[in-house]
Amino acid sequence: MKARVFMTIIMFLLLLPISVNADETSPVDKLDQLSNEALQMVKLHRYEDAKKLLDYFSEQFVTVSDKGRSFTVDELRIVSISYDEAVQATANATMNHEEKINRVTKFRLVMDAITSPYQPLWTEMESPIMNAFSQVKEAAYAGEKEQFHANLNSFLSLYDVIYPSMKINVDIERIQKIDARIEVIDKYRNQVLEETTTQMELEALEADLQLLFDEMTDDEADPSLWWVIISTGSIIILTLSYVGWRKYKGTQQAEKNLSKRQKD
């Protein structure tokens, strides 16, 4: 009887973290969902609907802040700037569709970076960004001036989309190092085309970017997930140990009974 009660408690504990986490959606996660919905509306050319969602986001953001969710000064500044750009994009009738998507995507990535510090969405931009930079290098080494300028502008445009969200998840010193390399390449474009020493900045920047993406996309689990894994594993081990102990005691008792009968 005691064993059955014990097993019932164990099964309840195993199921409890799953049932609780499945139903929980934090207020900040809901803000993230709103930013995603706004982006989807822009992709469908439904700019007015996107604007309404962004207005609602603003109201909810104030509510979440008032209820005690503490945002850092940097987070507040980055969210504010990217939000304003997103709103302007949905309200600007002369802005082309691609630019609207870029600006609202930037805002979407910022909100995800706040809610998902482990493997945030902006890291999924690795392939297009690294491919764009590879084209910059190829044009530079080939001495193709016009193509180099066009490719560099394309790279800078893509990098600008993830830059605010990067600043949320990456150390400021590392961001400044990458910024410095990009500034040199952008400012001294003609030298990059002509001088080998300046072209070395291209190799250095590529290495820095690749290392950053590699480290951000490592299989680094959320600490809370590790807690669930460890606690659940401990419960399973405890359960198996208890069952094994009961089986051992039962076997011992059976042997004693058998031995007693044989003596009798």
Protein backbone atom coordinates (compact mmCIF):
# COMPACT_ATOMS: atom_id res chain seq x y z
CA MET A 1 0.00 0.00 0.00
CA LYS A 2 2.78 2.40 0.95
CA ALA A 3 4.59 1.63 -2.29
CA ARG A 4 1.50 2.54 -4.32
CA VAL A 5 1.12 5.85 -2.48
CA PHE A 6 4.79 6.62 -3.02
CA MET A 7 4.57 5.87 -6.76
CA THR A 8 1.47 8.07 -7.06
CA ILE A 9 3.34 10.99 -5.49
CA ILE A 10 6.31 10.43 -7.80
CA MET A 11 4.12 10.43 -10.93
CA PHE A 12 2.45 13.64 -9.77
CA LEU A 13 5.82 15.34 -9.30
CA LEU A 14 6.98 14.18 -12.73
CA LEU A 15 3.92 15.62 -14.44
CA LEU A 16 3.70 18.85 -12.43
CA PRO A 17 6.48 20.90 -14.17
CA ILE A 18 5.08 20.01 -17.60
CA SER A 19 1.48 20.94 -16.83
CA VAL A 20 2.44 24.22 -15.18
CA ASN A 21 4.90 25.38 -17.86
CA ALA A 22 2.59 24.46 -20.72
CA ASP A 23 -0.09 26.91 -19.59
CA GLU A 24 2.11 29.80 -18.56
CA THR A 25 2.56 32.75 -20.90
CA SER A 26 4.26 35.70 -19.29
CA PRO A 27 3.18 39.29 -20.07
CA VAL A 28 6.52 39.88 -21.83
CA ASP A 29 5.98 36.78 -23.98
CA LYS A 30 2.61 38.23 -24.99
CA LEU A 31 4.37 41.44 -26.05
CA ASP A 32 6.71 39.33 -28.15
CA GLN A 33 3.69 37.66 -29.76
CA LEU A 34 2.21 41.06 -30.61
CA SER A 35 5.43 42.10 -32.34
CA ASN A 36 5.33 38.90 -34.38
CA GLU A 37 1.68 39.44 -35.35
CA ALA A 38 2.49 42.98 -36.48
CA LEU A 39 5.29 41.64 -38.68
CA GLN A 40 2.99 39.06 -40.24
CA MET A 41 0.48 41.81 -41.08
CA VAL A 42 3.20 43.84 -42.80
CA LYS A 43 4.25 40.82 -44.85
CA LEU A 44 0.64 40.57 -46.03
CA HIS A 45 0.62 44.30 -46.92
CA ARG A 46 -1.94 44.91 -44.17
CA TYR A 47 -0.18 47.99 -42.87
CA GLU A 48 -3.17 49.49 -41.03
CA ASP A 49 -3.71 46.28 -39.09
CA ALA A 50 -0.03 46.21 -38.24
CA LYS A 51 -0.26 49.80 -36.99
CA LYS A 52 -3.21 48.88 -34.75
CA LEU A 53 -1.27 45.98 -33.29
CA LEU A 54 1.69 48.24 -32.61
CA ASP A 55 -0.57 50.79 -30.90
CA TYR A 56 -1.97 48.01 -28.73
CA PHE A 57 1.58 46.85 -28.01
CA SER A 58 2.42 50.32 -26.69
CA GLU A 59 -0.52 50.21 -24.28
CA GLN A 60 0.39 46.74 -23.05
CA PHE A 61 4.06 47.62 -22.70
CA VAL A 62 3.18 50.41 -20.29
CA THR A 63 0.95 48.03 -18.34
CA VAL A 64 3.66 45.37 -18.12
CA SER A 65 6.19 47.97 -16.96
CA ASP A 66 3.79 49.26 -14.31
CA LYS A 67 3.20 45.74 -13.01
CA GLY A 68 6.82 45.33 -12.07
CA ARG A 69 8.62 43.87 -15.11
CA SER A 70 11.91 45.70 -14.86
CA PHE A 71 13.54 46.55 -18.18
CA THR A 72 17.10 47.80 -18.21
CA VAL A 73 17.83 51.30 -19.44
CA ASP A 74 19.41 49.87 -22.59
CA GLU A 75 16.41 47.60 -23.24
CA LEU A 76 13.99 50.52 -22.87
CA ARG A 77 16.04 52.68 -25.22
CA ILE A 78 16.41 49.95 -27.86
CA VAL A 79 12.74 48.95 -27.69
CA SER A 80 11.65 52.60 -27.94
CA ILE A 81 13.80 53.35 -31.00
CA SER A 82 12.93 50.15 -32.88
CA TYR A 83 9.24 50.57 -32.02
CA ASP A 84 9.18 54.12 -33.38
CA GLU A 85 10.80 52.94 -36.61
CA ALA A 86 8.24 50.15 -36.94
CA VAL A 87 5.32 52.53 -36.42
CA GLN A 88 6.71 55.01 -38.94
CA ALA A 89 7.14 52.18 -41.45
CA THR A 90 3.50 51.08 -41.18
CA ALA A 91 2.26 54.66 -41.48
CA ASN A 92 4.53 55.79 -44.33
CA ALA A 93 2.71 55.41 -47.65
CA THR A 94 5.82 56.19 -49.72
CA MET A 95 8.15 53.63 -48.11
CA ASN A 96 8.63 50.48 -50.18
CA HIS A 97 7.43 47.12 -48.93
CA GLU A 98 10.90 45.65 -48.36
CA GLU A 99 11.95 48.55 -46.14
CA LYS A 100 8.73 48.24 -44.13
CA ILE A 101 9.48 44.56 -43.55
CA ASN A 102 13.07 45.34 -42.52
CA ARG A 103 12.01 47.92 -39.94
CA VAL A 104 9.27 45.83 -38.39
CA THR A 105 11.53 42.78 -38.45
CA LYS A 106 14.10 44.80 -36.53
CA PHE A 107 11.50 45.52 -33.85
CA ARG A 108 10.38 41.89 -33.81
CA LEU A 109 13.94 40.68 -33.28
CA VAL A 110 14.44 43.14 -30.42
CA MET A 111 11.44 41.79 -28.52
CA ASP A 112 12.59 38.22 -29.13
CA ALA A 113 16.10 39.07 -27.90
CA ILE A 114 14.58 40.28 -24.62
CA THR A 115 12.41 37.20 -24.12
CA SER A 116 14.83 34.61 -25.60
CA PRO A 117 18.43 35.27 -24.52
CA TYR A 118 19.38 31.70 -25.51
CA GLN A 119 19.59 31.24 -29.28
CA PRO A 120 17.52 34.35 -30.16
CA LEU A 121 15.89 34.71 -33.57
CA TRP A 122 18.46 37.18 -34.88
CA THR A 123 21.03 34.35 -35.00
CA GLU A 124 18.96 32.78 -37.79
CA MET A 125 20.17 35.66 -39.97
CA GLU A 126 23.65 34.10 -39.96
CA SER A 127 23.40 32.62 -43.45
CA PRO A 128 22.17 35.72 -45.35
CA ILE A 129 24.56 38.02 -43.49
CA MET A 130 27.64 35.84 -43.94
CA ASN A 131 26.76 35.24 -47.60
CA ALA A 132 26.35 38.98 -48.15
CA PHE A 133 29.73 39.63 -46.56
CA SER A 134 31.33 36.90 -48.67
CA GLN A 135 30.14 38.77 -51.76
CA VAL A 136 31.69 41.96 -50.37
CA LYS A 137 35.05 40.20 -50.11
CA GLU A 138 34.84 38.70 -53.58
CA ALA A 139 34.12 42.07 -55.18
CA ALA A 140 36.90 43.74 -53.18
CA TYR A 141 39.54 41.18 -54.15
CA ALA A 142 38.39 41.29 -57.78
CA GLY A 143 38.64 45.08 -57.80
CA GLU A 144 35.04 45.43 -58.97
CA LYS A 145 34.33 48.90 -57.58
CA GLU A 146 30.62 49.29 -58.33
CA GLN A 147 29.81 45.74 -57.28
CA PHE A 148 31.83 46.19 -54.09
CA HIS A 149 29.90 49.31 -53.10
CA ALA A 150 26.56 47.66 -53.89
CA ASN A 151 27.44 44.49 -51.96
CA LEU A 152 28.73 46.44 -48.98
CA ASN A 153 25.54 48.49 -48.85
CA SER A 154 23.48 45.30 -48.93
CA PHE A 155 25.51 43.83 -46.09
CA LEU A 156 25.18 46.99 -44.00
CA SER A 157 21.42 46.99 -44.57
CA LEU A 158 21.12 43.40 -43.33
CA TYR A 159 23.42 44.03 -40.39
CA ASP A 160 21.32 47.03 -39.39
CA VAL A 161 18.28 44.74 -39.03
CA ILE A 162 19.92 42.58 -36.33
CA TYR A 163 22.09 45.27 -34.75
CA PRO A 164 19.65 46.46 -32.03
CA SER A 165 18.86 42.91 -30.92
CA MET A 166 22.56 42.05 -30.91
CA LYS A 167 23.13 44.86 -28.41
CA ILE A 168 20.68 43.18 -26.03
CA ASN A 169 22.35 39.75 -26.09
CA VAL A 170 26.02 40.53 -26.72
CA ASP A 171 28.60 42.23 -24.50
CA ILE A 172 29.13 45.90 -25.34
CA GLU A 173 32.90 45.44 -25.72
CA ARG A 174 32.36 42.85 -28.42
CA ILE A 175 29.82 45.00 -30.23
CA GLN A 176 32.24 47.94 -30.17
CA LYS A 177 35.01 45.79 -31.65
CA ILE A 178 32.80 44.73 -34.57
CA ASP A 179 31.51 48.30 -34.97
CA ALA A 180 35.08 49.58 -35.25
CA ARG A 181 35.94 47.13 -38.03
CA ILE A 182 32.75 47.94 -39.96
CA GLU A 183 33.41 51.66 -39.62
CA VAL A 184 36.92 51.30 -41.05
CA ILE A 185 35.68 49.27 -44.02
CA ASP A 186 32.80 51.64 -44.71
CA LYS A 187 34.82 54.83 -44.27
CA TYR A 188 37.83 53.73 -46.28
CA ARG A 189 36.08 51.91 -49.11
CA ASN A 190 38.55 52.95 -51.79
CA GLN A 191 41.52 51.77 -49.72
CA VAL A 192 39.82 48.40 -49.20
CA LEU A 193 39.71 48.03 -52.98
CA GLU A 194 43.34 48.97 -53.44
CA GLU A 195 45.38 48.16 -50.33
CA THR A 196 46.16 44.68 -49.02
CA THR A 197 46.60 45.91 -45.45
CA THR A 198 43.12 47.44 -45.39
CA GLN A 199 41.66 44.31 -46.98
CA MET A 200 42.86 42.43 -43.91
CA GLU A 201 40.03 44.17 -42.05
CA LEU A 202 37.63 42.17 -44.21
CA GLU A 203 39.15 38.90 -43.02
CA ALA A 204 39.16 40.07 -39.40
CA LEU A 205 35.53 41.20 -39.52
CA GLU A 206 34.42 37.95 -41.14
CA ALA A 207 36.17 35.96 -38.40
CA ASP A 208 34.61 38.09 -35.65
CA LEU A 209 31.12 37.72 -37.10
CA GLN A 210 31.45 33.97 -37.61
CA LEU A 211 32.74 33.45 -34.07
CA LEU A 212 29.86 35.50 -32.70
CA PHE A 213 27.24 33.45 -34.55
CA ASP A 214 28.94 30.18 -33.61
CA GLU A 215 28.94 31.03 -29.92
CA MET A 216 25.35 32.31 -29.95
CA THR A 217 24.04 29.19 -31.68
CA ASP A 218 25.77 26.69 -29.40
CA ASP A 219 23.37 24.24 -27.75
CA GLU A 220 23.21 26.23 -24.55
CA ALA A 221 20.10 25.27 -22.64
CA ASP A 222 18.11 27.62 -20.46
CA PRO A 223 19.20 27.16 -16.78
CA SER A 224 15.55 26.64 -15.81
CA LEU A 225 15.41 23.73 -18.28
CA TRP A 226 18.49 22.21 -16.70
CA TRP A 227 16.78 22.48 -13.30
CA VAL A 228 13.78 20.55 -14.63
CA ILE A 229 16.04 17.91 -16.19
CA ILE A 230 18.10 17.47 -13.01
CA SER A 231 15.12 17.42 -10.66
CA THR A 232 13.17 15.02 -12.89
CA GLY A 233 16.21 12.79 -13.27
CA SER A 234 16.70 12.76 -9.50
CA ILE A 235 13.08 11.71 -8.99
CA ILE A 236 13.42 8.91 -11.54
CA ILE A 237 16.62 7.68 -9.90
CA LEU A 238 14.97 7.83 -6.48
CA THR A 239 11.98 5.88 -7.80
CA LEU A 240 14.15 3.17 -9.35
CA SER A 241 16.24 2.97 -6.21
CA TYR A 242 13.14 2.56 -4.06
CA VAL A 243 11.68 -0.12 -6.35
CA GLY A 244 15.02 -1.92 -6.36
CA TRP A 245 15.24 -1.74 -2.59
CA ARG A 246 11.71 -3.11 -2.21
CA LYS A 247 12.54 -5.93 -4.61
CA TYR A 248 15.74 -6.68 -2.70
CA LYS A 249 13.91 -6.75 0.65
CA GLY A 250 11.20 -8.97 -0.86
CA THR A 251 13.82 -11.40 -2.17
CA GLN A 252 15.55 -11.48 1.21
CA GLN A 253 12.27 -12.15 2.99
CA ALA A 254 11.39 -14.92 0.52
CA GLU A 255 14.78 -16.55 1.12
CA LYS A 256 14.30 -16.36 4.89
CA ASN A 257 10.86 -17.91 4.63
CA LEU A 258 12.20 -20.68 2.39
CA SER A 259 15.11 -21.33 4.75
CA LYS A 260 12.76 -21.46 7.75
CA ARG A 261 10.46 -23.97 6.04
CA GLN A 262 13.39 -26.16 5.13
CA LYS A 263 14.60 -26.22 8.73
CA ASP A 264 11.14 -27.06 9.95
